[in-house]
Amino acid sequence: MADWSDPELLKALAISIIGLGVGLWWISSRIRSKLKEVEERQSRRWGDSADTHSDE
């Protein structure tokens, strides 16, 4: 069983939690920016196709 009063264990646990938090923040920001890029690309594509079809 883990000794929760051990300062080394608490230090390692805190570092791990901080590391996981930073990792999750980084990956979620990358996913959000990529989704924004895709949405912009799709809106440009739909806007361009609507313009070309309106001439017909």
PDB file of N, CA and C in Angstrom:
ATOM      1  N   MET A   1       0.839  -1.181   0.000  1.00  0.00           N
ATOM      2  CA  MET A   1       0.000   0.000   0.000  1.00  0.00           C
ATOM      3  C   MET A   1       0.880   1.240   0.000  1.00  0.00           C
ATOM      4  N   ALA A   2       0.435   2.278  -0.665  1.00  0.00           N
ATOM      5  CA  ALA A   2       1.209   3.521  -0.758  1.00  0.00           C
ATOM      6  C   ALA A   2       1.109   4.300   0.543  1.00  0.00           C
ATOM      7  N   ASP A   3       2.233   4.897   0.916  1.00  0.00           N
ATOM      8  CA  ASP A   3       2.274   5.751   2.100  1.00  0.00           C
ATOM      9  C   ASP A   3       2.042   7.192   1.640  1.00  0.00           C
ATOM     10  N   TRP A   4       0.825   7.697   1.838  1.00  0.00           N
ATOM     11  CA  TRP A   4       0.451   9.014   1.329  1.00  0.00           C
ATOM     12  C   TRP A   4       1.151  10.159   2.048  1.00  0.00           C
ATOM     13  N   SER A   5       1.842   9.879   3.148  1.00  0.00           N
ATOM     14  CA  SER A   5       2.572  10.934   3.849  1.00  0.00           C
ATOM     15  C   SER A   5       4.003  11.058   3.333  1.00  0.00           C
ATOM     16  N   ASP A   6       4.397  10.195   2.396  1.00  0.00           N
ATOM     17  CA  ASP A   6       5.749  10.239   1.824  1.00  0.00           C
ATOM     18  C   ASP A   6       5.870  11.452   0.898  1.00  0.00           C
ATOM     19  N   PRO A   7       6.778  12.386   1.212  1.00  0.00           N
ATOM     20  CA  PRO A   7       6.890  13.597   0.389  1.00  0.00           C
ATOM     21  C   PRO A   7       7.343  13.314  -1.045  1.00  0.00           C
ATOM     22  N   GLU A   8       8.150  12.298  -1.249  1.00  0.00           N
ATOM     23  CA  GLU A   8       8.602  11.957  -2.605  1.00  0.00           C
ATOM     24  C   GLU A   8       7.436  11.464  -3.459  1.00  0.00           C
ATOM     25  N   LEU A   9       6.565  10.679  -2.859  1.00  0.00           N
ATOM     26  CA  LEU A   9       5.386  10.192  -3.576  1.00  0.00           C
ATOM     27  C   LEU A   9       4.469  11.355  -3.954  1.00  0.00           C
ATOM     28  N   LEU A  10       4.246  12.262  -3.014  1.00  0.00           N
ATOM     29  CA  LEU A  10       3.386  13.413  -3.286  1.00  0.00           C
ATOM     30  C   LEU A  10       3.999  14.314  -4.347  1.00  0.00           C
ATOM     31  N   LYS A  11       5.312  14.473  -4.310  1.00  0.00           N
ATOM     32  CA  LYS A  11       5.999  15.289  -5.317  1.00  0.00           C
ATOM     33  C   LYS A  11       5.856  14.650  -6.698  1.00  0.00           C
ATOM     34  N   ALA A  12       6.086  13.348  -6.783  1.00  0.00           N
ATOM     35  CA  ALA A  12       5.961  12.638  -8.059  1.00  0.00           C
ATOM     36  C   ALA A  12       4.522  12.677  -8.563  1.00  0.00           C
ATOM     37  N   LEU A  13       3.575  12.549  -7.662  1.00  0.00           N
ATOM     38  CA  LEU A  13       2.162  12.598  -8.030  1.00  0.00           C
ATOM     39  C   LEU A  13       1.788  13.985  -8.555  1.00  0.00           C
ATOM     40  N   ALA A  14       2.251  15.025  -7.893  1.00  0.00           N
ATOM     41  CA  ALA A  14       1.961  16.393  -8.334  1.00  0.00           C
ATOM     42  C   ALA A  14       2.574  16.659  -9.701  1.00  0.00           C
ATOM     43  N   ILE A  15       3.812  16.234  -9.908  1.00  0.00           N
ATOM     44  CA  ILE A  15       4.474  16.428 -11.198  1.00  0.00           C
ATOM     45  C   ILE A  15       3.728  15.673 -12.296  1.00  0.00           C
ATOM     46  N   SER A  16       3.289  14.472 -11.996  1.00  0.00           N
ATOM     47  CA  SER A  16       2.550  13.678 -12.981  1.00  0.00           C
ATOM     48  C   SER A  16       1.221  14.335 -13.340  1.00  0.00           C
ATOM     49  N   ILE A  17       0.515  14.828 -12.343  1.00  0.00           N
ATOM     50  CA  ILE A  17      -0.774  15.473 -12.594  1.00  0.00           C
ATOM     51  C   ILE A  17      -0.585  16.746 -13.410  1.00  0.00           C
ATOM     52  N   ILE A  18       0.439  17.535 -13.071  1.00  0.00           N
ATOM     53  CA  ILE A  18       0.722  18.752 -13.837  1.00  0.00           C
ATOM     54  C   ILE A  18       1.093  18.388 -15.273  1.00  0.00           C
ATOM     55  N   GLY A  19       1.921  17.377 -15.442  1.00  0.00           N
ATOM     56  CA  GLY A  19       2.317  16.941 -16.781  1.00  0.00           C
ATOM     57  C   GLY A  19       1.134  16.476 -17.607  1.00  0.00           C
ATOM     58  N   LEU A  20       0.251  15.713 -16.998  1.00  0.00           N
ATOM     59  CA  LEU A  20      -0.951  15.264 -17.707  1.00  0.00           C
ATOM     60  C   LEU A  20      -1.849  16.443 -18.070  1.00  0.00           C
ATOM     61  N   GLY A  21      -1.970  17.395 -17.166  1.00  0.00           N
ATOM     62  CA  GLY A  21      -2.781  18.577 -17.448  1.00  0.00           C
ATOM     63  C   GLY A  21      -2.234  19.374 -18.616  1.00  0.00           C
ATOM     64  N   VAL A  22      -0.918  19.580 -18.634  1.00  0.00           N
ATOM     65  CA  VAL A  22      -0.288  20.310 -19.735  1.00  0.00           C
ATOM     66  C   VAL A  22      -0.454  19.533 -21.040  1.00  0.00           C
ATOM     67  N   GLY A  23      -0.267  18.229 -20.985  1.00  0.00           N
ATOM     68  CA  GLY A  23      -0.427  17.402 -22.183  1.00  0.00           C
ATOM     69  C   GLY A  23      -1.843  17.452 -22.729  1.00  0.00           C
ATOM     70  N   LEU A  24      -2.824  17.364 -21.847  1.00  0.00           N
ATOM     71  CA  LEU A  24      -4.223  17.434 -22.283  1.00  0.00           C
ATOM     72  C   LEU A  24      -4.553  18.807 -22.853  1.00  0.00           C
ATOM     73  N   TRP A  25      -4.044  19.866 -22.219  1.00  0.00           N
ATOM     74  CA  TRP A  25      -4.274  21.217 -22.729  1.00  0.00           C
ATOM     75  C   TRP A  25      -3.675  21.358 -24.128  1.00  0.00           C
ATOM     76  N   TRP A  26      -2.445  20.863 -24.313  1.00  0.00           N
ATOM     77  CA  TRP A  26      -1.760  20.994 -25.593  1.00  0.00           C
ATOM     78  C   TRP A  26      -2.501  20.238 -26.694  1.00  0.00           C
ATOM     79  N   ILE A  27      -2.862  18.986 -26.422  1.00  0.00           N
ATOM     80  CA  ILE A  27      -3.521  18.184 -27.456  1.00  0.00           C
ATOM     81  C   ILE A  27      -4.909  18.746 -27.769  1.00  0.00           C
ATOM     82  N   SER A  28      -5.630  19.235 -26.755  1.00  0.00           N
ATOM     83  CA  SER A  28      -6.960  19.791 -27.031  1.00  0.00           C
ATOM     84  C   SER A  28      -6.858  21.092 -27.818  1.00  0.00           C
ATOM     85  N   SER A  29      -5.828  21.898 -27.552  1.00  0.00           N
ATOM     86  CA  SER A  29      -5.676  23.130 -28.333  1.00  0.00           C
ATOM     87  C   SER A  29      -5.296  22.814 -29.775  1.00  0.00           C
ATOM     88  N   ARG A  30      -4.489  21.774 -29.984  1.00  0.00           N
ATOM     89  CA  ARG A  30      -4.140  21.367 -31.349  1.00  0.00           C
ATOM     90  C   ARG A  30      -5.372  20.865 -32.091  1.00  0.00           C
ATOM     91  N   ILE A  31      -6.197  20.084 -31.422  1.00  0.00           N
ATOM     92  CA  ILE A  31      -7.413  19.558 -32.052  1.00  0.00           C
ATOM     93  C   ILE A  31      -8.366  20.701 -32.386  1.00  0.00           C
ATOM     94  N   ARG A  32      -8.532  21.651 -31.440  1.00  0.00           N
ATOM     95  CA  ARG A  32      -9.417  22.788 -31.698  1.00  0.00           C
ATOM     96  C   ARG A  32      -8.942  23.620 -32.878  1.00  0.00           C
ATOM     97  N   SER A  33      -7.631  23.867 -32.961  1.00  0.00           N
ATOM     98  CA  SER A  33      -7.125  24.675 -34.076  1.00  0.00           C
ATOM     99  C   SER A  33      -7.280  23.929 -35.398  1.00  0.00           C
ATOM    100  N   LYS A  34      -7.081  22.616 -35.380  1.00  0.00           N
ATOM    101  CA  LYS A  34      -7.240  21.833 -36.602  1.00  0.00           C
ATOM    102  C   LYS A  34      -8.700  21.813 -37.039  1.00  0.00           C
ATOM    103  N   LEU A  35      -9.624  21.679 -36.109  1.00  0.00           N
ATOM    104  CA  LEU A  35     -11.045  21.720 -36.448  1.00  0.00           C
ATOM    105  C   LEU A  35     -11.429  23.078 -37.021  1.00  0.00           C
ATOM    106  N   LYS A  36     -10.861  24.144 -36.468  1.00  0.00           N
ATOM    107  CA  LYS A  36     -11.137  25.483 -36.990  1.00  0.00           C
ATOM    108  C   LYS A  36     -10.637  25.613 -38.423  1.00  0.00           C
ATOM    109  N   GLU A  37      -9.441  25.078 -38.705  1.00  0.00           N
ATOM    110  CA  GLU A  37      -8.905  25.109 -40.068  1.00  0.00           C
ATOM    111  C   GLU A  37      -9.817  24.360 -41.035  1.00  0.00           C
ATOM    112  N   VAL A  38     -10.268  23.190 -40.630  1.00  0.00           N
ATOM    113  CA  VAL A  38     -11.132  22.376 -41.488  1.00  0.00           C
ATOM    114  C   VAL A  38     -12.459  23.091 -41.733  1.00  0.00           C
ATOM    115  N   GLU A  39     -13.032  23.686 -40.686  1.00  0.00           N
ATOM    116  CA  GLU A  39     -14.294  24.409 -40.856  1.00  0.00           C
ATOM    117  C   GLU A  39     -14.128  25.590 -41.801  1.00  0.00           C
ATOM    118  N   GLU A  40     -13.007  26.317 -41.683  1.00  0.00           N
ATOM    119  CA  GLU A  40     -12.762  27.443 -42.589  1.00  0.00           C
ATOM    120  C   GLU A  40     -12.605  26.954 -44.023  1.00  0.00           C
ATOM    121  N   ARG A  41     -11.890  25.861 -44.202  1.00  0.00           N
ATOM    122  CA  ARG A  41     -11.688  25.310 -45.538  1.00  0.00           C
ATOM    123  C   ARG A  41     -13.019  24.865 -46.134  1.00  0.00           C
ATOM    124  N   GLN A  42     -13.843  24.218 -45.328  1.00  0.00           N
ATOM    125  CA  GLN A  42     -15.143  23.763 -45.825  1.00  0.00           C
ATOM    126  C   GLN A  42     -16.059  24.940 -46.140  1.00  0.00           C
ATOM    127  N   SER A  43     -16.028  25.977 -45.316  1.00  0.00           N
ATOM    128  CA  SER A  43     -16.893  27.133 -45.595  1.00  0.00           C
ATOM    129  C   SER A  43     -16.439  27.843 -46.859  1.00  0.00           C
ATOM    130  N   ARG A  44     -15.133  27.893 -47.112  1.00  0.00           N
ATOM    131  CA  ARG A  44     -14.643  28.480 -48.360  1.00  0.00           C
ATOM    132  C   ARG A  44     -15.070  27.633 -49.542  1.00  0.00           C
ATOM    133  N   ARG A  45     -14.974  26.306 -49.396  1.00  0.00           N
ATOM    134  CA  ARG A  45     -15.360  25.417 -50.491  1.00  0.00           C
ATOM    135  C   ARG A  45     -16.842  25.573 -50.795  1.00  0.00           C
ATOM    136  N   TRP A  46     -17.681  25.578 -49.750  1.00  0.00           N
ATOM    137  CA  TRP A  46     -19.123  25.713 -49.974  1.00  0.00           C
ATOM    138  C   TRP A  46     -19.451  27.090 -50.531  1.00  0.00           C
ATOM    139  N   GLY A  47     -18.738  28.114 -50.067  1.00  0.00           N
ATOM    140  CA  GLY A  47     -18.966  29.454 -50.593  1.00  0.00           C
ATOM    141  C   GLY A  47     -18.556  29.552 -52.044  1.00  0.00           C
ATOM    142  N   ASP A  48     -17.423  28.942 -52.416  1.00  0.00           N
ATOM    143  CA  ASP A  48     -16.968  28.959 -53.807  1.00  0.00           C
ATOM    144  C   ASP A  48     -17.913  28.179 -54.703  1.00  0.00           C
ATOM    145  N   SER A  49     -18.371  27.021 -54.259  1.00  0.00           N
ATOM    146  CA  SER A  49     -19.252  26.210 -55.102  1.00  0.00           C
ATOM    147  C   SER A  49     -20.607  26.890 -55.271  1.00  0.00           C
ATOM    148  N   ALA A  50     -21.061  27.622 -54.269  1.00  0.00           N
ATOM    149  CA  ALA A  50     -22.332  28.345 -54.393  1.00  0.00           C
ATOM    150  C   ALA A  50     -22.191  29.476 -55.400  1.00  0.00           C
ATOM    151  N   ASP A  51     -21.035  30.127 -55.426  1.00  0.00           N
ATOM    152  CA  ASP A  51     -20.807  31.212 -56.382  1.00  0.00           C
ATOM    153  C   ASP A  51     -20.741  30.686 -57.811  1.00  0.00           C
ATOM    154  N   THR A  52     -20.093  29.549 -58.019  1.00  0.00           N
ATOM    155  CA  THR A  52     -19.950  29.025 -59.379  1.00  0.00           C
ATOM    156  C   THR A  52     -21.271  28.491 -59.905  1.00  0.00           C
ATOM    157  N   HIS A  53     -22.117  27.940 -59.036  1.00  0.00           N
ATOM    158  CA  HIS A  53     -23.390  27.394 -59.487  1.00  0.00           C
ATOM    159  C   HIS A  53     -24.436  28.483 -59.701  1.00  0.00           C
ATOM    160  N   SER A  54     -24.253  29.644 -59.127  1.00  0.00           N
ATOM    161  CA  SER A  54     -25.251  30.696 -59.306  1.00  0.00           C
ATOM    162  C   SER A  54     -25.191  31.288 -60.710  1.00  0.00           C
ATOM    163  N   ASP A  55     -24.071  31.086 -61.428  1.00  0.00           N
ATOM    164  CA  ASP A  55     -23.941  31.594 -62.790  1.00  0.00           C
ATOM    165  C   ASP A  55     -24.720  30.753 -63.793  1.00  0.00           C
ATOM    166  N   GLU A  56     -25.024  29.528 -63.449  1.00  0.00           N
ATOM    167  CA  GLU A  56     -25.665  28.611 -64.399  1.00  0.00           C
ATOM    168  C   GLU A  56     -27.126  28.894 -64.592  1.00  0.00           C
TER     169      GLU A  56
END
